[in-house]
C-alpha cells in the first residue's frame, strides 16, 4: 500500500473532529477568524494560514510548505494525539507537547 500524498492526507484530516479540536486549541486566532465556515473548512483555512499556502496541493509541490506543515501541524498533532492517549508518537520516545505555537 502506498502512502497518500500529503495534500490528500491533510484533506482527510480536516474532516476529523479530533484534528479540528487540535487546530482550534493550537491555533485559536486563525481558527476563530473563519468562524462562519463548517469545521472541515475552518481546519483547511488554518492550514492555509499556518503553512502560508493558497491550496493544500502546495503541500505536494512546495518543499518549504511541506516543511512548515510537518513542523507546525503534522508533528505537533502526532504529539498531541500521543499525549491524549498516554502513548508516544515515535517508538517509545518521550515527547513534550507545547501548549501554544512557537
N, C-alpha and C. Protein backbone atom coordinates (compact mmCIF):
# COMPACT_ATOMS: atom_id res chain seq x y z
N UNK A 1 0.85 -1.18 0.00
CA UNK A 1 0.00 0.00 0.00
C UNK A 1 0.89 1.24 0.00
N UNK A 2 0.57 2.21 -0.84
CA UNK A 2 1.36 3.43 -0.90
C UNK A 2 0.78 4.48 0.03
N UNK A 3 1.64 5.36 0.48
CA UNK A 3 1.23 6.44 1.36
C UNK A 3 0.56 7.53 0.52
N UNK A 4 -0.62 8.03 0.96
CA UNK A 4 -1.27 9.07 0.17
C UNK A 4 -0.42 10.35 0.17
N UNK A 5 -0.62 11.15 -0.85
CA UNK A 5 0.08 12.43 -0.94
C UNK A 5 -0.30 13.28 0.28
N UNK A 6 0.59 14.15 0.69
CA UNK A 6 0.35 14.97 1.88
C UNK A 6 -0.90 15.83 1.72
N UNK A 7 -1.13 16.38 0.54
CA UNK A 7 -2.33 17.20 0.33
C UNK A 7 -3.59 16.38 0.59
N UNK A 8 -3.61 15.16 0.11
CA UNK A 8 -4.78 14.29 0.32
C UNK A 8 -4.92 13.92 1.80
N UNK A 9 -3.81 13.60 2.43
CA UNK A 9 -3.84 13.27 3.86
C UNK A 9 -4.34 14.46 4.67
N UNK A 10 -3.88 15.66 4.33
CA UNK A 10 -4.33 16.87 5.04
C UNK A 10 -5.82 17.09 4.83
N UNK A 11 -6.31 16.85 3.62
CA UNK A 11 -7.74 17.00 3.35
C UNK A 11 -8.56 16.02 4.18
N UNK A 12 -8.08 14.80 4.28
CA UNK A 12 -8.78 13.79 5.09
C UNK A 12 -8.78 14.21 6.56
N UNK A 13 -7.63 14.66 7.05
CA UNK A 13 -7.54 15.10 8.45
C UNK A 13 -8.49 16.25 8.74
N UNK A 14 -8.68 17.15 7.79
CA UNK A 14 -9.56 18.30 8.01
C UNK A 14 -10.99 17.88 8.36
N UNK A 15 -11.39 16.69 7.94
CA UNK A 15 -12.71 16.18 8.27
C UNK A 15 -12.77 15.44 9.60
N UNK A 16 -11.64 15.31 10.27
CA UNK A 16 -11.55 14.56 11.52
C UNK A 16 -11.82 15.51 12.71
N UNK A 17 -12.87 15.26 13.50
CA UNK A 17 -13.18 16.14 14.62
C UNK A 17 -12.03 16.28 15.63
N UNK A 18 -11.26 15.23 15.83
CA UNK A 18 -10.12 15.29 16.74
C UNK A 18 -9.06 16.27 16.21
N UNK A 19 -8.80 16.22 14.91
CA UNK A 19 -7.85 17.13 14.29
C UNK A 19 -8.38 18.57 14.36
N UNK A 20 -9.66 18.74 14.17
CA UNK A 20 -10.27 20.06 14.27
C UNK A 20 -10.11 20.63 15.69
N UNK A 21 -10.31 19.79 16.70
CA UNK A 21 -10.11 20.25 18.09
C UNK A 21 -8.66 20.65 18.32
N UNK A 22 -7.73 19.86 17.79
CA UNK A 22 -6.32 20.19 17.91
C UNK A 22 -6.03 21.56 17.29
N UNK A 23 -6.49 21.79 16.08
CA UNK A 23 -6.22 23.08 15.42
C UNK A 23 -6.86 24.24 16.18
N UNK A 24 -8.07 24.04 16.68
CA UNK A 24 -8.74 25.10 17.45
C UNK A 24 -7.95 25.43 18.72
N UNK A 25 -7.38 24.42 19.35
CA UNK A 25 -6.59 24.61 20.56
C UNK A 25 -5.22 25.23 20.25
N UNK A 26 -4.56 24.68 19.26
CA UNK A 26 -3.18 25.10 18.95
C UNK A 26 -3.13 26.45 18.26
N UNK A 27 -4.13 26.74 17.42
CA UNK A 27 -4.15 27.97 16.63
C UNK A 27 -5.50 28.68 16.79
N UNK A 28 -5.79 29.18 18.00
CA UNK A 28 -7.11 29.77 18.24
C UNK A 28 -7.40 31.01 17.39
N UNK A 29 -6.41 31.83 17.10
CA UNK A 29 -6.68 33.04 16.31
C UNK A 29 -7.11 32.70 14.88
N UNK A 30 -6.31 31.90 14.13
CA UNK A 30 -6.77 31.56 12.78
C UNK A 30 -8.08 30.76 12.79
N UNK A 31 -8.25 29.91 13.79
CA UNK A 31 -9.48 29.13 13.87
C UNK A 31 -10.67 30.06 14.06
N UNK A 32 -10.52 31.04 14.92
CA UNK A 32 -11.61 31.98 15.18
C UNK A 32 -11.91 32.90 14.02
N UNK A 33 -10.91 33.20 13.21
CA UNK A 33 -11.11 34.10 12.07
C UNK A 33 -12.01 33.51 11.00
N UNK A 34 -12.16 32.21 10.99
CA UNK A 34 -13.00 31.56 9.99
C UNK A 34 -14.24 30.96 10.64
N UNK A 35 -14.77 31.66 11.63
CA UNK A 35 -15.85 31.16 12.47
C UNK A 35 -17.15 30.81 11.79
N UNK A 36 -17.44 31.39 10.61
CA UNK A 36 -18.71 31.10 9.94
C UNK A 36 -18.65 29.87 9.05
N UNK A 37 -17.48 29.33 8.84
CA UNK A 37 -17.32 28.17 7.98
C UNK A 37 -17.60 26.87 8.74
N UNK A 38 -17.99 25.81 8.02
CA UNK A 38 -18.09 24.49 8.67
C UNK A 38 -16.71 24.08 9.18
N UNK A 39 -16.68 23.22 10.17
CA UNK A 39 -15.42 22.86 10.84
C UNK A 39 -14.36 22.33 9.88
N UNK A 40 -14.73 21.52 8.89
CA UNK A 40 -13.72 20.98 7.98
C UNK A 40 -13.10 22.09 7.11
N UNK A 41 -13.87 23.10 6.78
CA UNK A 41 -13.33 24.22 6.01
C UNK A 41 -12.51 25.16 6.90
N UNK A 42 -12.90 25.27 8.16
CA UNK A 42 -12.10 26.05 9.12
C UNK A 42 -10.73 25.41 9.27
N UNK A 43 -10.71 24.07 9.37
CA UNK A 43 -9.43 23.36 9.50
C UNK A 43 -8.55 23.63 8.29
N UNK A 44 -9.13 23.57 7.10
CA UNK A 44 -8.35 23.86 5.89
C UNK A 44 -7.84 25.29 5.91
N UNK A 45 -8.67 26.22 6.36
CA UNK A 45 -8.26 27.62 6.43
C UNK A 45 -7.09 27.82 7.38
N UNK A 46 -7.11 27.11 8.51
CA UNK A 46 -5.99 27.20 9.46
C UNK A 46 -4.72 26.68 8.81
N UNK A 47 -4.80 25.57 8.10
CA UNK A 47 -3.63 25.03 7.42
C UNK A 47 -3.10 26.04 6.40
N UNK A 48 -3.99 26.66 5.63
CA UNK A 48 -3.55 27.66 4.66
C UNK A 48 -2.81 28.79 5.36
N UNK A 49 -3.36 29.27 6.46
CA UNK A 49 -2.75 30.39 7.18
C UNK A 49 -1.40 30.00 7.79
N UNK A 50 -1.38 28.91 8.51
CA UNK A 50 -0.18 28.48 9.23
C UNK A 50 0.95 28.12 8.26
N UNK A 51 0.60 27.44 7.19
CA UNK A 51 1.62 26.99 6.23
C UNK A 51 1.89 28.03 5.14
N UNK A 52 1.14 29.12 5.16
CA UNK A 52 1.29 30.20 4.17
C UNK A 52 1.15 29.66 2.75
N UNK A 53 0.00 28.99 2.52
CA UNK A 53 -0.30 28.43 1.21
C UNK A 53 -1.69 28.89 0.78
N UNK A 54 -1.97 28.76 -0.51
CA UNK A 54 -3.28 29.09 -1.07
C UNK A 54 -4.13 27.84 -1.30
N UNK A 55 -3.46 26.69 -1.41
CA UNK A 55 -4.14 25.43 -1.69
C UNK A 55 -3.35 24.30 -1.04
N UNK A 56 -4.06 23.27 -0.58
CA UNK A 56 -3.36 22.13 0.01
C UNK A 56 -2.46 21.44 -1.00
N UNK A 57 -2.75 21.58 -2.30
CA UNK A 57 -1.89 20.98 -3.33
C UNK A 57 -0.44 21.44 -3.19
N UNK A 58 -0.25 22.64 -2.68
CA UNK A 58 1.12 23.15 -2.49
C UNK A 58 1.93 22.28 -1.53
N UNK A 59 1.26 21.54 -0.67
CA UNK A 59 1.97 20.65 0.25
C UNK A 59 2.69 19.54 -0.51
N UNK A 60 2.22 19.24 -1.71
CA UNK A 60 2.87 18.22 -2.54
C UNK A 60 3.90 18.80 -3.49
N UNK A 61 3.81 20.09 -3.76
CA UNK A 61 4.67 20.69 -4.79
C UNK A 61 5.68 21.69 -4.26
N UNK A 62 5.50 22.16 -3.04
CA UNK A 62 6.35 23.20 -2.47
C UNK A 62 7.06 22.63 -1.23
N UNK A 63 8.37 22.42 -1.33
CA UNK A 63 9.12 21.80 -0.24
C UNK A 63 9.05 22.61 1.05
N UNK A 64 9.08 23.93 0.94
CA UNK A 64 9.02 24.77 2.15
C UNK A 64 7.64 24.65 2.82
N UNK A 65 6.60 24.61 2.02
CA UNK A 65 5.24 24.44 2.58
C UNK A 65 5.13 23.09 3.28
N UNK A 66 5.71 22.05 2.69
CA UNK A 66 5.70 20.72 3.31
C UNK A 66 6.44 20.75 4.64
N UNK A 67 7.59 21.41 4.69
CA UNK A 67 8.35 21.52 5.96
C UNK A 67 7.55 22.28 7.01
N UNK A 68 6.91 23.38 6.60
CA UNK A 68 6.09 24.14 7.56
C UNK A 68 4.95 23.27 8.08
N UNK A 69 4.28 22.52 7.19
CA UNK A 69 3.20 21.65 7.62
C UNK A 69 3.71 20.62 8.62
N UNK A 70 4.81 19.96 8.29
CA UNK A 70 5.36 18.95 9.19
C UNK A 70 5.70 19.55 10.55
N UNK A 71 6.35 20.71 10.54
CA UNK A 71 6.84 21.33 11.78
C UNK A 71 5.71 21.96 12.60
N UNK A 72 4.74 22.57 11.93
CA UNK A 72 3.72 23.34 12.64
C UNK A 72 2.38 22.62 12.81
N UNK A 73 2.15 21.58 12.02
CA UNK A 73 0.86 20.89 12.09
C UNK A 73 1.05 19.39 12.31
N UNK A 74 1.73 18.73 11.40
CA UNK A 74 1.82 17.27 11.43
C UNK A 74 2.46 16.70 12.68
N UNK A 75 3.67 17.13 12.97
CA UNK A 75 4.36 16.60 14.15
C UNK A 75 3.69 17.02 15.46
N UNK A 76 3.28 18.30 15.60
CA UNK A 76 2.57 18.66 16.83
C UNK A 76 1.26 17.89 17.02
N UNK A 77 0.55 17.62 15.91
CA UNK A 77 -0.69 16.85 16.03
C UNK A 77 -0.39 15.42 16.48
N UNK A 78 0.64 14.81 15.93
CA UNK A 78 1.02 13.46 16.36
C UNK A 78 1.36 13.43 17.85
N UNK A 79 2.10 14.43 18.30
CA UNK A 79 2.46 14.52 19.72
C UNK A 79 1.23 14.74 20.58
N UNK A 80 0.34 15.61 20.14
CA UNK A 80 -0.89 15.91 20.87
C UNK A 80 -1.74 14.65 21.02
N UNK A 81 -1.88 13.90 19.93
CA UNK A 81 -2.65 12.65 19.99
C UNK A 81 -2.01 11.65 20.93
N UNK A 82 -0.68 11.54 20.87
CA UNK A 82 0.02 10.60 21.74
C UNK A 82 -0.14 10.99 23.20
N UNK A 83 -0.06 12.29 23.49
CA UNK A 83 -0.21 12.75 24.86
C UNK A 83 -1.63 12.46 25.37
N UNK A 84 -2.62 12.62 24.50
CA UNK A 84 -4.00 12.34 24.88
C UNK A 84 -4.21 10.87 25.20
N UNK A 85 -3.52 10.01 24.46
CA UNK A 85 -3.72 8.57 24.65
C UNK A 85 -2.74 7.97 25.66
N UNK A 86 -1.81 8.80 26.14
CA UNK A 86 -0.83 8.31 27.10
C UNK A 86 0.32 7.58 26.46
N UNK A 87 0.38 7.58 25.14
CA UNK A 87 1.45 6.88 24.43
C UNK A 87 2.47 7.85 23.89
N UNK A 88 3.29 7.35 23.02
CA UNK A 88 4.32 8.16 22.39
C UNK A 88 4.20 8.01 20.89
N UNK A 89 4.38 9.11 20.14
CA UNK A 89 4.22 9.02 18.70
C UNK A 89 5.33 8.26 17.99
N UNK A 90 6.50 8.15 18.62
CA UNK A 90 7.65 7.56 17.93
C UNK A 90 8.32 6.52 18.81
N UNK A 91 8.11 5.28 18.53
CA UNK A 91 8.81 4.14 19.12
C UNK A 91 9.28 4.34 20.56
N UNK A 92 8.41 4.69 21.45
CA UNK A 92 8.78 4.80 22.85
C UNK A 92 9.50 6.08 23.23
N UNK A 93 9.69 6.99 22.29
CA UNK A 93 10.36 8.26 22.61
C UNK A 93 9.42 9.14 23.41
N UNK A 94 9.97 9.90 24.29
CA UNK A 94 9.18 10.83 25.09
C UNK A 94 9.12 12.16 24.37
N UNK A 95 7.91 12.68 24.20
CA UNK A 95 7.73 13.95 23.51
C UNK A 95 6.92 14.88 24.39
N UNK A 96 7.40 16.10 24.55
CA UNK A 96 6.67 17.10 25.34
C UNK A 96 5.84 17.94 24.38
N UNK A 97 4.57 18.10 24.68
CA UNK A 97 3.67 18.85 23.82
C UNK A 97 3.60 20.29 24.30
N UNK A 98 3.90 21.23 23.41
CA UNK A 98 3.82 22.64 23.74
C UNK A 98 2.36 23.05 23.83
N UNK A 99 2.05 23.98 24.74
CA UNK A 99 0.68 24.43 24.90
C UNK A 99 0.25 25.37 23.80
N UNK A 100 1.14 26.17 23.30
CA UNK A 100 0.82 27.15 22.26
C UNK A 100 1.90 27.12 21.20
N UNK A 101 1.57 27.64 20.00
CA UNK A 101 2.58 27.67 18.94
C UNK A 101 3.77 28.54 19.31
N UNK A 102 4.85 28.32 18.63
CA UNK A 102 6.11 28.99 18.92
C UNK A 102 6.02 30.46 18.73
